[in-house]
């Protein structure tokens, strides 16, 4: 049995803040991408970085700075 995680907030949310884009509900500690200059905003990079976190969750890996988030659901997959 393989363990994986799912967070609906991570998969469906993006918060645009003055210096970054956050992918989840924990603004201060949550996962995101620091952006130095929004004039050079690259949507493909933002989506690519977000997908890295989603992939980590699906592999059963939760980055240490999001472990306290309440919206994470555990999935058990038979393999």
PDB file of N, CA and C in Angstrom:
ATOM      1  N   UNK A   1       0.842  -1.176   0.000  1.00  0.00           N
ATOM      2  CA  UNK A   1       0.000   0.000   0.000  1.00  0.00           C
ATOM      3  C   UNK A   1       0.893   1.248   0.000  1.00  0.00           C
ATOM      4  N   UNK A   2       0.574   2.184  -0.881  1.00  0.00           N
ATOM      5  CA  UNK A   2       1.351   3.416  -0.990  1.00  0.00           C
ATOM      6  C   UNK A   2       0.529   4.570  -0.434  1.00  0.00           C
ATOM      7  N   UNK A   3       1.168   5.409   0.318  1.00  0.00           N
ATOM      8  CA  UNK A   3       0.517   6.555   0.941  1.00  0.00           C
ATOM      9  C   UNK A   3       0.674   7.773   0.043  1.00  0.00           C
ATOM     10  N   UNK A   4      -0.398   8.563  -0.077  1.00  0.00           N
ATOM     11  CA  UNK A   4      -0.305   9.836  -0.783  1.00  0.00           C
ATOM     12  C   UNK A   4      -1.185  10.849  -0.061  1.00  0.00           C
ATOM     13  N   UNK A   5      -1.009  12.104  -0.394  1.00  0.00           N
ATOM     14  CA  UNK A   5      -1.789  13.159   0.241  1.00  0.00           C
ATOM     15  C   UNK A   5      -2.437  14.028  -0.824  1.00  0.00           C
ATOM     16  N   UNK A   6      -3.495  14.685  -0.424  1.00  0.00           N
ATOM     17  CA  UNK A   6      -4.246  15.566  -1.305  1.00  0.00           C
ATOM     18  C   UNK A   6      -4.658  16.795  -0.518  1.00  0.00           C
ATOM     19  N   UNK A   7      -4.502  17.963  -1.113  1.00  0.00           N
ATOM     20  CA  UNK A   7      -4.959  19.196  -0.486  1.00  0.00           C
ATOM     21  C   UNK A   7      -5.723  19.994  -1.540  1.00  0.00           C
ATOM     22  N   UNK A   8      -7.037  20.059  -1.373  1.00  0.00           N
ATOM     23  CA  UNK A   8      -7.860  20.770  -2.343  1.00  0.00           C
ATOM     24  C   UNK A   8      -7.453  22.238  -2.454  1.00  0.00           C
ATOM     25  N   UNK A   9      -7.098  22.848  -1.329  1.00  0.00           N
ATOM     26  CA  UNK A   9      -6.684  24.247  -1.345  1.00  0.00           C
ATOM     27  C   UNK A   9      -5.430  24.438  -2.195  1.00  0.00           C
ATOM     28  N   UNK A  10      -4.456  23.560  -2.027  1.00  0.00           N
ATOM     29  CA  UNK A  10      -3.231  23.638  -2.816  1.00  0.00           C
ATOM     30  C   UNK A  10      -3.531  23.495  -4.303  1.00  0.00           C
ATOM     31  N   UNK A  11      -4.433  22.590  -4.650  1.00  0.00           N
ATOM     32  CA  UNK A  11      -4.699  22.320  -6.056  1.00  0.00           C
ATOM     33  C   UNK A  11      -5.598  23.354  -6.723  1.00  0.00           C
ATOM     34  N   UNK A  12      -6.359  24.123  -5.941  1.00  0.00           N
ATOM     35  CA  UNK A  12      -7.343  25.019  -6.555  1.00  0.00           C
ATOM     36  C   UNK A  12      -7.130  26.502  -6.248  1.00  0.00           C
ATOM     37  N   UNK A  13      -6.090  26.845  -5.493  1.00  0.00           N
ATOM     38  CA  UNK A  13      -5.945  28.218  -5.017  1.00  0.00           C
ATOM     39  C   UNK A  13      -4.624  28.836  -5.447  1.00  0.00           C
ATOM     40  N   UNK A  14      -4.658  30.134  -5.713  1.00  0.00           N
ATOM     41  CA  UNK A  14      -3.454  30.942  -5.889  1.00  0.00           C
ATOM     42  C   UNK A  14      -3.750  32.310  -5.304  1.00  0.00           C
ATOM     43  N   UNK A  15      -2.872  32.779  -4.428  1.00  0.00           N
ATOM     44  CA  UNK A  15      -3.014  34.092  -3.807  1.00  0.00           C
ATOM     45  C   UNK A  15      -1.879  34.976  -4.325  1.00  0.00           C
ATOM     46  N   UNK A  16      -2.235  36.100  -4.929  1.00  0.00           N
ATOM     47  CA  UNK A  16      -1.235  37.032  -5.446  1.00  0.00           C
ATOM     48  C   UNK A  16      -0.982  38.095  -4.391  1.00  0.00           C
ATOM     49  N   UNK A  17       0.212  38.070  -3.828  1.00  0.00           N
ATOM     50  CA  UNK A  17       0.630  39.013  -2.803  1.00  0.00           C
ATOM     51  C   UNK A  17       1.654  39.972  -3.414  1.00  0.00           C
ATOM     52  N   UNK A  18       2.018  41.039  -2.726  1.00  0.00           N
ATOM     53  CA  UNK A  18       2.936  42.032  -3.320  1.00  0.00           C
ATOM     54  C   UNK A  18       4.277  41.480  -3.801  1.00  0.00           C
ATOM     55  N   UNK A  19       4.785  40.427  -3.146  1.00  0.00           N
ATOM     56  CA  UNK A  19       6.107  39.928  -3.523  1.00  0.00           C
ATOM     57  C   UNK A  19       6.137  38.453  -3.890  1.00  0.00           C
ATOM     58  N   UNK A  20       4.970  37.828  -3.985  1.00  0.00           N
ATOM     59  CA  UNK A  20       4.965  36.403  -4.269  1.00  0.00           C
ATOM     60  C   UNK A  20       3.576  35.915  -4.679  1.00  0.00           C
ATOM     61  N   UNK A  21       3.558  34.662  -5.098  1.00  0.00           N
ATOM     62  CA  UNK A  21       2.308  33.950  -5.344  1.00  0.00           C
ATOM     63  C   UNK A  21       2.310  32.785  -4.374  1.00  0.00           C
ATOM     64  N   UNK A  22       1.271  32.675  -3.553  1.00  0.00           N
ATOM     65  CA  UNK A  22       1.152  31.557  -2.612  1.00  0.00           C
ATOM     66  C   UNK A  22       0.133  30.571  -3.161  1.00  0.00           C
ATOM     67  N   UNK A  23       0.395  29.288  -2.951  1.00  0.00           N
ATOM     68  CA  UNK A  23      -0.448  28.241  -3.504  1.00  0.00           C
ATOM     69  C   UNK A  23      -1.395  27.631  -2.481  1.00  0.00           C
ATOM     70  N   UNK A  24      -1.327  28.074  -1.254  1.00  0.00           N
ATOM     71  CA  UNK A  24      -2.213  27.475  -0.263  1.00  0.00           C
ATOM     72  C   UNK A  24      -2.664  28.524   0.737  1.00  0.00           C
ATOM     73  N   UNK A  25      -3.411  28.097   1.714  1.00  0.00           N
ATOM     74  CA  UNK A  25      -4.103  29.018   2.614  1.00  0.00           C
ATOM     75  C   UNK A  25      -3.222  29.589   3.708  1.00  0.00           C
ATOM     76  N   UNK A  26      -2.042  29.059   3.922  1.00  0.00           N
ATOM     77  CA  UNK A  26      -1.186  29.560   4.992  1.00  0.00           C
ATOM     78  C   UNK A  26      -0.214  30.585   4.424  1.00  0.00           C
ATOM     79  N   UNK A  27      -0.647  31.823   4.352  1.00  0.00           N
ATOM     80  CA  UNK A  27       0.124  32.875   3.694  1.00  0.00           C
ATOM     81  C   UNK A  27       1.552  32.992   4.214  1.00  0.00           C
ATOM     82  N   UNK A  28       1.719  33.035   5.522  1.00  0.00           N
ATOM     83  CA  UNK A  28       3.045  33.274   6.087  1.00  0.00           C
ATOM     84  C   UNK A  28       3.985  32.095   5.871  1.00  0.00           C
ATOM     85  N   UNK A  29       3.482  30.895   6.083  1.00  0.00           N
ATOM     86  CA  UNK A  29       4.325  29.707   6.033  1.00  0.00           C
ATOM     87  C   UNK A  29       4.087  28.838   4.810  1.00  0.00           C
ATOM     88  N   UNK A  30       3.038  29.104   4.079  1.00  0.00           N
ATOM     89  CA  UNK A  30       2.633  28.213   2.993  1.00  0.00           C
ATOM     90  C   UNK A  30       3.581  28.193   1.818  1.00  0.00           C
ATOM     91  N   UNK A  31       3.343  27.242   0.954  1.00  0.00           N
ATOM     92  CA  UNK A  31       4.177  27.071  -0.218  1.00  0.00           C
ATOM     93  C   UNK A  31       3.850  28.137  -1.246  1.00  0.00           C
ATOM     94  N   UNK A  32       4.871  28.580  -1.940  1.00  0.00           N
ATOM     95  CA  UNK A  32       4.663  29.613  -2.939  1.00  0.00           C
ATOM     96  C   UNK A  32       5.922  29.892  -3.717  1.00  0.00           C
ATOM     97  N   UNK A  33       5.843  30.903  -4.540  1.00  0.00           N
ATOM     98  CA  UNK A  33       6.959  31.293  -5.386  1.00  0.00           C
ATOM     99  C   UNK A  33       7.214  32.778  -5.199  1.00  0.00           C
ATOM    100  N   UNK A  34       8.440  33.129  -4.803  1.00  0.00           N
ATOM    101  CA  UNK A  34       8.843  34.519  -4.625  1.00  0.00           C
ATOM    102  C   UNK A  34       9.012  35.152  -6.000  1.00  0.00           C
ATOM    103  N   UNK A  35       8.440  36.318  -6.183  1.00  0.00           N
ATOM    104  CA  UNK A  35       8.551  37.016  -7.460  1.00  0.00           C
ATOM    105  C   UNK A  35       9.137  38.396  -7.193  1.00  0.00           C
ATOM    106  N   UNK A  36      10.292  38.647  -7.789  1.00  0.00           N
ATOM    107  CA  UNK A  36      10.987  39.916  -7.577  1.00  0.00           C
ATOM    108  C   UNK A  36      10.322  41.067  -8.332  1.00  0.00           C
ATOM    109  N   UNK A  37       9.823  40.766  -9.537  1.00  0.00           N
ATOM    110  CA  UNK A  37       9.271  41.823 -10.378  1.00  0.00           C
ATOM    111  C   UNK A  37       8.069  41.283 -11.142  1.00  0.00           C
ATOM    112  N   UNK A  38       6.882  41.740 -10.765  1.00  0.00           N
ATOM    113  CA  UNK A  38       5.679  41.254 -11.428  1.00  0.00           C
ATOM    114  C   UNK A  38       5.597  41.719 -12.887  1.00  0.00           C
ATOM    115  N   UNK A  39       6.414  42.675 -13.291  1.00  0.00           N
ATOM    116  CA  UNK A  39       6.461  43.060 -14.701  1.00  0.00           C
ATOM    117  C   UNK A  39       7.050  41.950 -15.558  1.00  0.00           C
ATOM    118  N   UNK A  40       7.788  41.041 -14.913  1.00  0.00           N
ATOM    119  CA  UNK A  40       8.373  39.905 -15.618  1.00  0.00           C
ATOM    120  C   UNK A  40       7.688  38.607 -15.214  1.00  0.00           C
ATOM    121  N   UNK A  41       6.430  38.705 -14.845  1.00  0.00           N
ATOM    122  CA  UNK A  41       5.647  37.561 -14.386  1.00  0.00           C
ATOM    123  C   UNK A  41       5.599  36.480 -15.458  1.00  0.00           C
ATOM    124  N   UNK A  42       5.848  35.244 -15.052  1.00  0.00           N
ATOM    125  CA  UNK A  42       5.861  34.116 -15.976  1.00  0.00           C
ATOM    126  C   UNK A  42       4.847  33.085 -15.480  1.00  0.00           C
ATOM    127  N   UNK A  43       3.683  33.051 -16.096  1.00  0.00           N
ATOM    128  CA  UNK A  43       2.617  32.157 -15.626  1.00  0.00           C
ATOM    129  C   UNK A  43       3.006  30.688 -15.745  1.00  0.00           C
ATOM    130  N   UNK A  44       3.787  30.322 -16.752  1.00  0.00           N
ATOM    131  CA  UNK A  44       4.209  28.923 -16.903  1.00  0.00           C
ATOM    132  C   UNK A  44       5.096  28.491 -15.743  1.00  0.00           C
ATOM    133  N   UNK A  45       5.973  29.378 -15.291  1.00  0.00           N
ATOM    134  CA  UNK A  45       6.833  29.072 -14.151  1.00  0.00           C
ATOM    135  C   UNK A  45       5.997  28.906 -12.877  1.00  0.00           C
ATOM    136  N   UNK A  46       5.039  29.792 -12.677  1.00  0.00           N
ATOM    137  CA  UNK A  46       4.180  29.722 -11.489  1.00  0.00           C
ATOM    138  C   UNK A  46       3.425  28.400 -11.456  1.00  0.00           C
ATOM    139  N   UNK A  47       2.849  28.006 -12.568  1.00  0.00           N
ATOM    140  CA  UNK A  47       2.090  26.756 -12.635  1.00  0.00           C
ATOM    141  C   UNK A  47       3.014  25.552 -12.488  1.00  0.00           C
ATOM    142  N   UNK A  48       4.179  25.605 -13.106  1.00  0.00           N
ATOM    143  CA  UNK A  48       5.150  24.518 -12.993  1.00  0.00           C
ATOM    144  C   UNK A  48       5.579  24.300 -11.544  1.00  0.00           C
ATOM    145  N   UNK A  49       5.869  25.396 -10.841  1.00  0.00           N
ATOM    146  CA  UNK A  49       6.275  25.295  -9.437  1.00  0.00           C
ATOM    147  C   UNK A  49       5.128  24.736  -8.581  1.00  0.00           C
ATOM    148  N   UNK A  50       3.917  25.173  -8.850  1.00  0.00           N
ATOM    149  CA  UNK A  50       2.762  24.664  -8.108  1.00  0.00           C
ATOM    150  C   UNK A  50       2.609  23.159  -8.333  1.00  0.00           C
ATOM    151  N   UNK A  51       2.775  22.717  -9.563  1.00  0.00           N
ATOM    152  CA  UNK A  51       2.651  21.295  -9.872  1.00  0.00           C
ATOM    153  C   UNK A  51       3.711  20.450  -9.177  1.00  0.00           C
ATOM    154  N   UNK A  52       4.891  21.028  -8.900  1.00  0.00           N
ATOM    155  CA  UNK A  52       5.918  20.292  -8.144  1.00  0.00           C
ATOM    156  C   UNK A  52       5.400  19.926  -6.756  1.00  0.00           C
ATOM    157  N   UNK A  53       4.711  20.871  -6.094  1.00  0.00           N
ATOM    158  CA  UNK A  53       4.159  20.600  -4.772  1.00  0.00           C
ATOM    159  C   UNK A  53       3.049  19.561  -4.852  1.00  0.00           C
ATOM    160  N   UNK A  54       2.205  19.661  -5.845  1.00  0.00           N
ATOM    161  CA  UNK A  54       1.115  18.689  -6.008  1.00  0.00           C
ATOM    162  C   UNK A  54       1.691  17.293  -6.215  1.00  0.00           C
ATOM    163  N   UNK A  55       2.767  17.187  -7.001  1.00  0.00           N
ATOM    164  CA  UNK A  55       3.428  15.899  -7.230  1.00  0.00           C
ATOM    165  C   UNK A  55       4.018  15.340  -5.939  1.00  0.00           C
ATOM    166  N   UNK A  56       4.640  16.212  -5.129  1.00  0.00           N
ATOM    167  CA  UNK A  56       5.195  15.766  -3.849  1.00  0.00           C
ATOM    168  C   UNK A  56       4.087  15.170  -2.982  1.00  0.00           C
ATOM    169  N   UNK A  57       2.963  15.838  -2.901  1.00  0.00           N
ATOM    170  CA  UNK A  57       1.831  15.341  -2.112  1.00  0.00           C
ATOM    171  C   UNK A  57       1.385  13.982  -2.624  1.00  0.00           C
ATOM    172  N   UNK A  58       1.286  13.829  -3.947  1.00  0.00           N
ATOM    173  CA  UNK A  58       0.812  12.560  -4.506  1.00  0.00           C
ATOM    174  C   UNK A  58       1.793  11.424  -4.247  1.00  0.00           C
ATOM    175  N   UNK A  59       3.064  11.759  -3.988  1.00  0.00           N
ATOM    176  CA  UNK A  59       4.077  10.747  -3.665  1.00  0.00           C
ATOM    177  C   UNK A  59       4.185  10.498  -2.164  1.00  0.00           C
ATOM    178  N   UNK A  60       3.326  11.149  -1.381  1.00  0.00           N
ATOM    179  CA  UNK A  60       3.347  10.950   0.070  1.00  0.00           C
ATOM    180  C   UNK A  60       4.313  11.857   0.795  1.00  0.00           C
ATOM    181  N   UNK A  61       4.820  12.875   0.127  1.00  0.00           N
ATOM    182  CA  UNK A  61       5.783  13.806   0.719  1.00  0.00           C
ATOM    183  C   UNK A  61       5.083  15.126   1.012  1.00  0.00           C
ATOM    184  N   UNK A  62       5.181  15.579   2.255  1.00  0.00           N
ATOM    185  CA  UNK A  62       4.639  16.883   2.629  1.00  0.00           C
ATOM    186  C   UNK A  62       5.819  17.763   3.039  1.00  0.00           C
ATOM    187  N   UNK A  63       6.038  18.875   2.345  1.00  0.00           N
ATOM    188  CA  UNK A  63       7.117  19.783   2.749  1.00  0.00           C
ATOM    189  C   UNK A  63       6.941  20.211   4.205  1.00  0.00           C
ATOM    190  N   UNK A  64       8.028  20.321   4.943  1.00  0.00           N
ATOM    191  CA  UNK A  64       7.939  20.557   6.390  1.00  0.00           C
ATOM    192  C   UNK A  64       7.185  21.832   6.746  1.00  0.00           C
ATOM    193  N   UNK A  65       7.201  22.854   5.908  1.00  0.00           N
ATOM    194  CA  UNK A  65       6.532  24.099   6.254  1.00  0.00           C
ATOM    195  C   UNK A  65       5.028  24.078   5.996  1.00  0.00           C
ATOM    196  N   UNK A  66       4.469  22.947   5.559  1.00  0.00           N
ATOM    197  CA  UNK A  66       3.013  22.864   5.410  1.00  0.00           C
ATOM    198  C   UNK A  66       2.406  21.731   6.232  1.00  0.00           C
ATOM    199  N   UNK A  67       3.156  21.119   7.105  1.00  0.00           N
ATOM    200  CA  UNK A  67       2.651  19.982   7.873  1.00  0.00           C
ATOM    201  C   UNK A  67       1.519  20.344   8.817  1.00  0.00           C
ATOM    202  N   UNK A  68       1.400  21.581   9.225  1.00  0.00           N
ATOM    203  CA  UNK A  68       0.357  21.960  10.178  1.00  0.00           C
ATOM    204  C   UNK A  68      -0.947  22.351   9.498  1.00  0.00           C
ATOM    205  N   UNK A  69      -0.996  22.286   8.194  1.00  0.00           N
ATOM    206  CA  UNK A  69      -2.205  22.681   7.469  1.00  0.00           C
ATOM    207  C   UNK A  69      -3.312  21.659   7.712  1.00  0.00           C
ATOM    208  N   UNK A  70      -4.513  22.142   7.948  1.00  0.00           N
ATOM    209  CA  UNK A  70      -5.637  21.280   8.317  1.00  0.00           C
ATOM    210  C   UNK A  70      -6.356  20.656   7.128  1.00  0.00           C
ATOM    211  N   UNK A  71      -6.095  21.111   5.927  1.00  0.00           N
ATOM    212  CA  UNK A  71      -6.869  20.658   4.770  1.00  0.00           C
ATOM    213  C   UNK A  71      -6.252  19.489   4.031  1.00  0.00           C
ATOM    214  N   UNK A  72      -5.165  18.934   4.537  1.00  0.00           N
ATOM    215  CA  UNK A  72      -4.506  17.812   3.879  1.00  0.00           C
ATOM    216  C   UNK A  72      -5.264  16.526   4.180  1.00  0.00           C
ATOM    217  N   UNK A  73      -5.535  15.779   3.143  1.00  0.00           N
ATOM    218  CA  UNK A  73      -6.219  14.490   3.285  1.00  0.00           C
ATOM    219  C   UNK A  73      -5.258  13.388   2.891  1.00  0.00           C
ATOM    220  N   UNK A  74      -5.315  12.274   3.621  1.00  0.00           N
ATOM    221  CA  UNK A  74      -4.450  11.143   3.345  1.00  0.00           C
ATOM    222  C   UNK A  74      -5.193  10.169   2.452  1.00  0.00           C
ATOM    223  N   UNK A  75      -4.529   9.704   1.408  1.00  0.00           N
ATOM    224  CA  UNK A  75      -5.068   8.672   0.515  1.00  0.00           C
ATOM    225  C   UNK A  75      -4.204   7.438   0.668  1.00  0.00           C
ATOM    226  N   UNK A  76      -4.814   6.280   0.593  1.00  0.00           N
ATOM    227  CA  UNK A  76      -4.062   5.027   0.561  1.00  0.00           C
ATOM    228  C   UNK A  76      -4.331   4.369  -0.767  1.00  0.00           C
ATOM    229  N   UNK A  77      -3.287   4.144  -1.508  1.00  0.00           N
ATOM    230  CA  UNK A  77      -3.421   3.523  -2.832  1.00  0.00           C
ATOM    231  C   UNK A  77      -2.829   2.133  -2.786  1.00  0.00           C
ATOM    232  N   UNK A  78      -3.518   1.184  -3.344  1.00  0.00           N
ATOM    233  CA  UNK A  78      -2.974  -0.178  -3.444  1.00  0.00           C
ATOM    234  C   UNK A  78      -2.054  -0.243  -4.640  1.00  0.00           C
ATOM    235  N   UNK A  79      -0.857  -0.764  -4.420  1.00  0.00           N
ATOM    236  CA  UNK A  79       0.092  -0.921  -5.531  1.00  0.00           C
ATOM    237  C   UNK A  79       0.913  -2.141  -5.317  1.00  0.00           C
TER     238      UNK A  79
END
